[in-house]
Amino acid sequence: MSSYANTLSQHRRLTILRFLAGSPEYTSNASILVEVCDSFGVTSTRDQVAGDIAWLSEQGMVTYEENEGFMVVTTTARGIEISEGKARHDGVKRPRPGV
């Protein structure tokens, strides 16, 4: 993966975690997450978001369920800690202080 693609993935993962942390029941679906990423300037395809959701799940930061192509994603306590900058992971962009 190129340096730019890696940086974009790190930003996309942080965007997903931060949105989930502020969502009711810490849950959303992949279609909404694509739109959220786009609205924050992290232009993403559904496949890219789905890939990052799977990666975040492997790291213990989210859980997800798929039903007939519909993916529902929920953040974990670890995901919230990462999104708030209380914990770090090399694959997720660290948020700026005070954000």
N, C-alpha and C. Protein backbone atom coordinates (compact mmCIF):
# COMPACT_ATOMS: atom_id res chain seq x y z
N MET A 1 0.86 -1.18 0.00
CA MET A 1 0.00 0.00 0.00
C MET A 1 0.90 1.24 0.00
N SER A 2 0.57 2.20 -0.84
CA SER A 2 1.38 3.41 -0.94
C SER A 2 1.23 4.24 0.34
N SER A 3 2.15 5.15 0.51
CA SER A 3 2.13 6.02 1.67
C SER A 3 0.83 6.83 1.72
N TYR A 4 0.39 7.34 0.57
CA TYR A 4 -0.84 8.12 0.52
C TYR A 4 -2.05 7.25 0.86
N ALA A 5 -2.11 6.06 0.28
CA ALA A 5 -3.22 5.15 0.54
C ALA A 5 -3.25 4.75 2.01
N ASN A 6 -2.09 4.53 2.60
CA ASN A 6 -2.01 4.19 4.02
C ASN A 6 -2.50 5.35 4.89
N THR A 7 -2.07 6.55 4.57
CA THR A 7 -2.51 7.74 5.31
C THR A 7 -4.02 7.92 5.19
N LEU A 8 -4.56 7.72 4.00
CA LEU A 8 -6.00 7.84 3.79
C LEU A 8 -6.75 6.80 4.61
N SER A 9 -6.25 5.57 4.65
CA SER A 9 -6.89 4.53 5.46
C SER A 9 -6.88 4.90 6.94
N GLN A 10 -5.78 5.44 7.42
CA GLN A 10 -5.71 5.85 8.83
C GLN A 10 -6.74 6.93 9.14
N HIS A 11 -6.89 7.88 8.25
CA HIS A 11 -7.89 8.94 8.44
C HIS A 11 -9.30 8.37 8.35
N ARG A 12 -9.54 7.48 7.41
CA ARG A 12 -10.86 6.87 7.24
C ARG A 12 -11.24 6.11 8.52
N ARG A 13 -10.32 5.35 9.07
CA ARG A 13 -10.59 4.57 10.28
C ARG A 13 -10.91 5.49 11.46
N LEU A 14 -10.16 6.58 11.60
CA LEU A 14 -10.46 7.53 12.68
C LEU A 14 -11.83 8.16 12.46
N THR A 15 -12.14 8.53 11.24
CA THR A 15 -13.44 9.12 10.93
C THR A 15 -14.57 8.16 11.31
N ILE A 16 -14.42 6.90 10.96
CA ILE A 16 -15.43 5.89 11.29
C ILE A 16 -15.58 5.78 12.80
N LEU A 17 -14.47 5.65 13.52
CA LEU A 17 -14.54 5.50 14.98
C LEU A 17 -15.14 6.72 15.66
N ARG A 18 -14.76 7.90 15.21
CA ARG A 18 -15.28 9.12 15.83
C ARG A 18 -16.78 9.26 15.59
N PHE A 19 -17.23 8.93 14.37
CA PHE A 19 -18.66 9.01 14.09
C PHE A 19 -19.43 8.00 14.94
N LEU A 20 -18.93 6.78 15.03
CA LEU A 20 -19.61 5.76 15.83
C LEU A 20 -19.65 6.15 17.31
N ALA A 21 -18.57 6.75 17.81
CA ALA A 21 -18.53 7.16 19.22
C ALA A 21 -19.62 8.19 19.54
N GLY A 22 -20.00 8.99 18.57
CA GLY A 22 -21.03 10.00 18.78
C GLY A 22 -22.42 9.58 18.34
N SER A 23 -22.56 8.37 17.86
CA SER A 23 -23.85 7.88 17.34
C SER A 23 -24.67 7.23 18.44
N PRO A 24 -26.00 7.31 18.33
CA PRO A 24 -26.85 6.60 19.29
C PRO A 24 -26.49 5.11 19.30
N GLU A 25 -26.33 4.58 20.49
CA GLU A 25 -25.98 3.17 20.69
C GLU A 25 -24.65 2.81 20.03
N TYR A 26 -23.85 3.82 19.69
CA TYR A 26 -22.51 3.62 19.09
C TYR A 26 -22.57 2.80 17.81
N THR A 27 -23.66 2.93 17.08
CA THR A 27 -23.93 2.06 15.93
C THR A 27 -24.33 2.87 14.71
N SER A 28 -23.94 2.36 13.53
CA SER A 28 -24.36 2.93 12.26
C SER A 28 -24.28 1.82 11.21
N ASN A 29 -24.57 2.18 9.97
CA ASN A 29 -24.40 1.19 8.90
C ASN A 29 -23.35 1.68 7.91
N ALA A 30 -22.85 0.76 7.11
CA ALA A 30 -21.74 1.06 6.21
C ALA A 30 -22.10 2.12 5.18
N SER A 31 -23.33 2.13 4.71
CA SER A 31 -23.73 3.14 3.72
C SER A 31 -23.63 4.55 4.29
N ILE A 32 -24.08 4.72 5.52
CA ILE A 32 -23.97 6.02 6.17
C ILE A 32 -22.51 6.38 6.39
N LEU A 33 -21.69 5.39 6.77
CA LEU A 33 -20.28 5.65 7.01
C LEU A 33 -19.55 6.10 5.75
N VAL A 34 -19.96 5.60 4.60
CA VAL A 34 -19.39 6.07 3.33
C VAL A 34 -19.68 7.56 3.16
N GLU A 35 -20.93 7.94 3.39
CA GLU A 35 -21.32 9.35 3.26
C GLU A 35 -20.60 10.23 4.29
N VAL A 36 -20.44 9.72 5.51
CA VAL A 36 -19.75 10.47 6.55
C VAL A 36 -18.30 10.71 6.14
N CYS A 37 -17.63 9.66 5.68
CA CYS A 37 -16.24 9.81 5.24
C CYS A 37 -16.14 10.85 4.12
N ASP A 38 -17.03 10.75 3.15
CA ASP A 38 -17.02 11.71 2.04
C ASP A 38 -17.23 13.13 2.54
N SER A 39 -18.13 13.31 3.50
CA SER A 39 -18.43 14.66 3.98
C SER A 39 -17.27 15.25 4.78
N PHE A 40 -16.38 14.41 5.29
CA PHE A 40 -15.20 14.89 6.02
C PHE A 40 -13.96 14.93 5.14
N GLY A 41 -14.16 14.83 3.83
CA GLY A 41 -13.05 14.97 2.90
C GLY A 41 -12.20 13.72 2.75
N VAL A 42 -12.69 12.60 3.25
CA VAL A 42 -11.99 11.33 3.11
C VAL A 42 -12.79 10.50 2.10
N THR A 43 -12.74 10.91 0.85
CA THR A 43 -13.53 10.27 -0.19
C THR A 43 -13.24 8.78 -0.22
N SER A 44 -14.31 7.98 -0.12
CA SER A 44 -14.16 6.54 0.04
C SER A 44 -15.23 5.78 -0.73
N THR A 45 -14.84 4.62 -1.21
CA THR A 45 -15.81 3.72 -1.83
C THR A 45 -16.41 2.82 -0.74
N ARG A 46 -17.50 2.19 -1.06
CA ARG A 46 -18.11 1.24 -0.12
C ARG A 46 -17.14 0.11 0.19
N ASP A 47 -16.40 -0.37 -0.82
CA ASP A 47 -15.43 -1.44 -0.60
C ASP A 47 -14.32 -0.99 0.36
N GLN A 48 -13.85 0.24 0.22
CA GLN A 48 -12.81 0.74 1.12
C GLN A 48 -13.33 0.81 2.56
N VAL A 49 -14.54 1.31 2.73
CA VAL A 49 -15.12 1.41 4.07
C VAL A 49 -15.34 0.01 4.63
N ALA A 50 -15.86 -0.91 3.83
CA ALA A 50 -16.07 -2.28 4.30
C ALA A 50 -14.75 -2.93 4.69
N GLY A 51 -13.70 -2.70 3.92
CA GLY A 51 -12.39 -3.24 4.24
C GLY A 51 -11.85 -2.68 5.54
N ASP A 52 -12.03 -1.38 5.75
CA ASP A 52 -11.56 -0.78 7.00
C ASP A 52 -12.42 -1.22 8.19
N ILE A 53 -13.70 -1.46 7.98
CA ILE A 53 -14.54 -1.99 9.06
C ILE A 53 -14.04 -3.38 9.45
N ALA A 54 -13.73 -4.21 8.46
CA ALA A 54 -13.20 -5.56 8.75
C ALA A 54 -11.87 -5.44 9.50
N TRP A 55 -11.02 -4.52 9.08
CA TRP A 55 -9.73 -4.32 9.75
C TRP A 55 -9.94 -3.85 11.19
N LEU A 56 -10.82 -2.87 11.39
CA LEU A 56 -11.12 -2.38 12.74
C LEU A 56 -11.67 -3.50 13.62
N SER A 57 -12.46 -4.37 13.04
CA SER A 57 -13.00 -5.51 13.78
C SER A 57 -11.89 -6.46 14.20
N GLU A 58 -10.97 -6.74 13.29
CA GLU A 58 -9.83 -7.62 13.61
C GLU A 58 -9.00 -7.05 14.76
N GLN A 59 -8.96 -5.72 14.86
CA GLN A 59 -8.18 -5.06 15.91
C GLN A 59 -8.97 -4.89 17.21
N GLY A 60 -10.23 -5.30 17.22
CA GLY A 60 -11.07 -5.20 18.42
C GLY A 60 -11.67 -3.84 18.66
N MET A 61 -11.73 -3.00 17.62
CA MET A 61 -12.25 -1.65 17.79
C MET A 61 -13.72 -1.51 17.41
N VAL A 62 -14.24 -2.42 16.61
CA VAL A 62 -15.65 -2.45 16.25
C VAL A 62 -16.10 -3.90 16.14
N THR A 63 -17.42 -4.07 16.16
CA THR A 63 -18.03 -5.33 15.78
C THR A 63 -18.99 -5.02 14.64
N TYR A 64 -19.31 -6.00 13.85
CA TYR A 64 -20.28 -5.76 12.78
C TYR A 64 -21.05 -7.03 12.46
N GLU A 65 -22.23 -6.82 11.89
CA GLU A 65 -23.08 -7.91 11.42
C GLU A 65 -23.46 -7.61 9.98
N GLU A 66 -23.47 -8.63 9.17
CA GLU A 66 -23.90 -8.48 7.78
C GLU A 66 -25.19 -9.27 7.59
N ASN A 67 -26.12 -8.65 6.89
CA ASN A 67 -27.37 -9.32 6.57
C ASN A 67 -27.78 -8.91 5.17
N GLU A 68 -27.65 -9.82 4.22
CA GLU A 68 -28.03 -9.57 2.83
C GLU A 68 -27.35 -8.33 2.27
N GLY A 69 -26.04 -8.20 2.51
CA GLY A 69 -25.28 -7.08 1.98
C GLY A 69 -25.39 -5.81 2.78
N PHE A 70 -26.12 -5.82 3.87
CA PHE A 70 -26.29 -4.65 4.73
C PHE A 70 -25.42 -4.84 5.96
N MET A 71 -24.49 -3.93 6.20
CA MET A 71 -23.52 -4.07 7.29
C MET A 71 -23.83 -3.06 8.40
N VAL A 72 -24.07 -3.57 9.61
CA VAL A 72 -24.32 -2.73 10.78
C VAL A 72 -23.09 -2.81 11.67
N VAL A 73 -22.55 -1.65 12.04
CA VAL A 73 -21.27 -1.55 12.75
C VAL A 73 -21.48 -0.89 14.11
N THR A 74 -20.83 -1.46 15.13
CA THR A 74 -20.89 -0.92 16.48
C THR A 74 -19.47 -0.80 17.02
N THR A 75 -19.14 0.34 17.61
CA THR A 75 -17.81 0.50 18.18
C THR A 75 -17.72 -0.21 19.54
N THR A 76 -16.52 -0.54 19.92
CA THR A 76 -16.25 -1.15 21.22
C THR A 76 -15.65 -0.09 22.14
N ALA A 77 -15.46 -0.45 23.39
CA ALA A 77 -14.81 0.48 24.32
C ALA A 77 -13.41 0.84 23.81
N ARG A 78 -12.72 -0.14 23.26
CA ARG A 78 -11.38 0.12 22.70
C ARG A 78 -11.46 1.13 21.55
N GLY A 79 -12.46 0.99 20.68
CA GLY A 79 -12.64 1.92 19.58
C GLY A 79 -12.89 3.34 20.06
N ILE A 80 -13.66 3.47 21.12
CA ILE A 80 -13.92 4.80 21.68
C ILE A 80 -12.64 5.40 22.24
N GLU A 81 -11.85 4.59 22.95
CA GLU A 81 -10.58 5.09 23.50
C GLU A 81 -9.64 5.57 22.39
N ILE A 82 -9.60 4.84 21.29
CA ILE A 82 -8.76 5.23 20.15
C ILE A 82 -9.29 6.54 19.55
N SER A 83 -10.62 6.63 19.38
CA SER A 83 -11.21 7.82 18.75
C SER A 83 -11.01 9.08 19.59
N GLU A 84 -10.89 8.91 20.89
CA GLU A 84 -10.69 10.05 21.78
C GLU A 84 -9.22 10.38 22.02
N GLY A 85 -8.33 9.56 21.49
CA GLY A 85 -6.90 9.79 21.68
C GLY A 85 -6.38 9.28 23.01
N LYS A 86 -7.20 8.55 23.76
CA LYS A 86 -6.78 8.01 25.05
C LYS A 86 -5.88 6.79 24.87
N ALA A 87 -6.01 6.14 23.74
CA ALA A 87 -5.17 5.00 23.38
C ALA A 87 -4.72 5.21 21.95
N ARG A 88 -3.69 4.49 21.55
CA ARG A 88 -3.14 4.64 20.19
C ARG A 88 -3.07 3.30 19.48
N HIS A 89 -3.12 3.39 18.17
CA HIS A 89 -2.88 2.24 17.31
C HIS A 89 -2.26 2.77 16.03
N ASP A 90 -1.19 2.12 15.58
CA ASP A 90 -0.48 2.60 14.39
C ASP A 90 -1.36 2.68 13.15
N GLY A 91 -2.41 1.89 13.07
CA GLY A 91 -3.25 1.87 11.87
C GLY A 91 -4.36 2.89 11.86
N VAL A 92 -4.45 3.69 12.93
CA VAL A 92 -5.51 4.71 13.04
C VAL A 92 -4.85 6.05 13.33
N LYS A 93 -5.21 7.05 12.57
CA LYS A 93 -4.69 8.41 12.77
C LYS A 93 -5.05 8.88 14.18
N ARG A 94 -4.11 9.45 14.87
CA ARG A 94 -4.39 9.97 16.20
C ARG A 94 -5.08 11.32 16.07
N PRO A 95 -6.18 11.53 16.82
CA PRO A 95 -6.88 12.82 16.72
C PRO A 95 -6.05 13.95 17.29
N ARG A 96 -6.29 15.14 16.78
CA ARG A 96 -5.63 16.33 17.33
C ARG A 96 -6.16 16.62 18.73
N PRO A 97 -5.37 17.23 19.58
CA PRO A 97 -5.84 17.57 20.93
C PRO A 97 -7.04 18.52 20.87
N GLY A 98 -7.96 18.33 21.76
CA GLY A 98 -9.09 19.23 21.86
C GLY A 98 -10.16 19.07 20.80
N VAL A 99 -10.02 18.08 19.95
CA VAL A 99 -11.01 17.88 18.88
C VAL A 99 -12.00 16.84 19.30
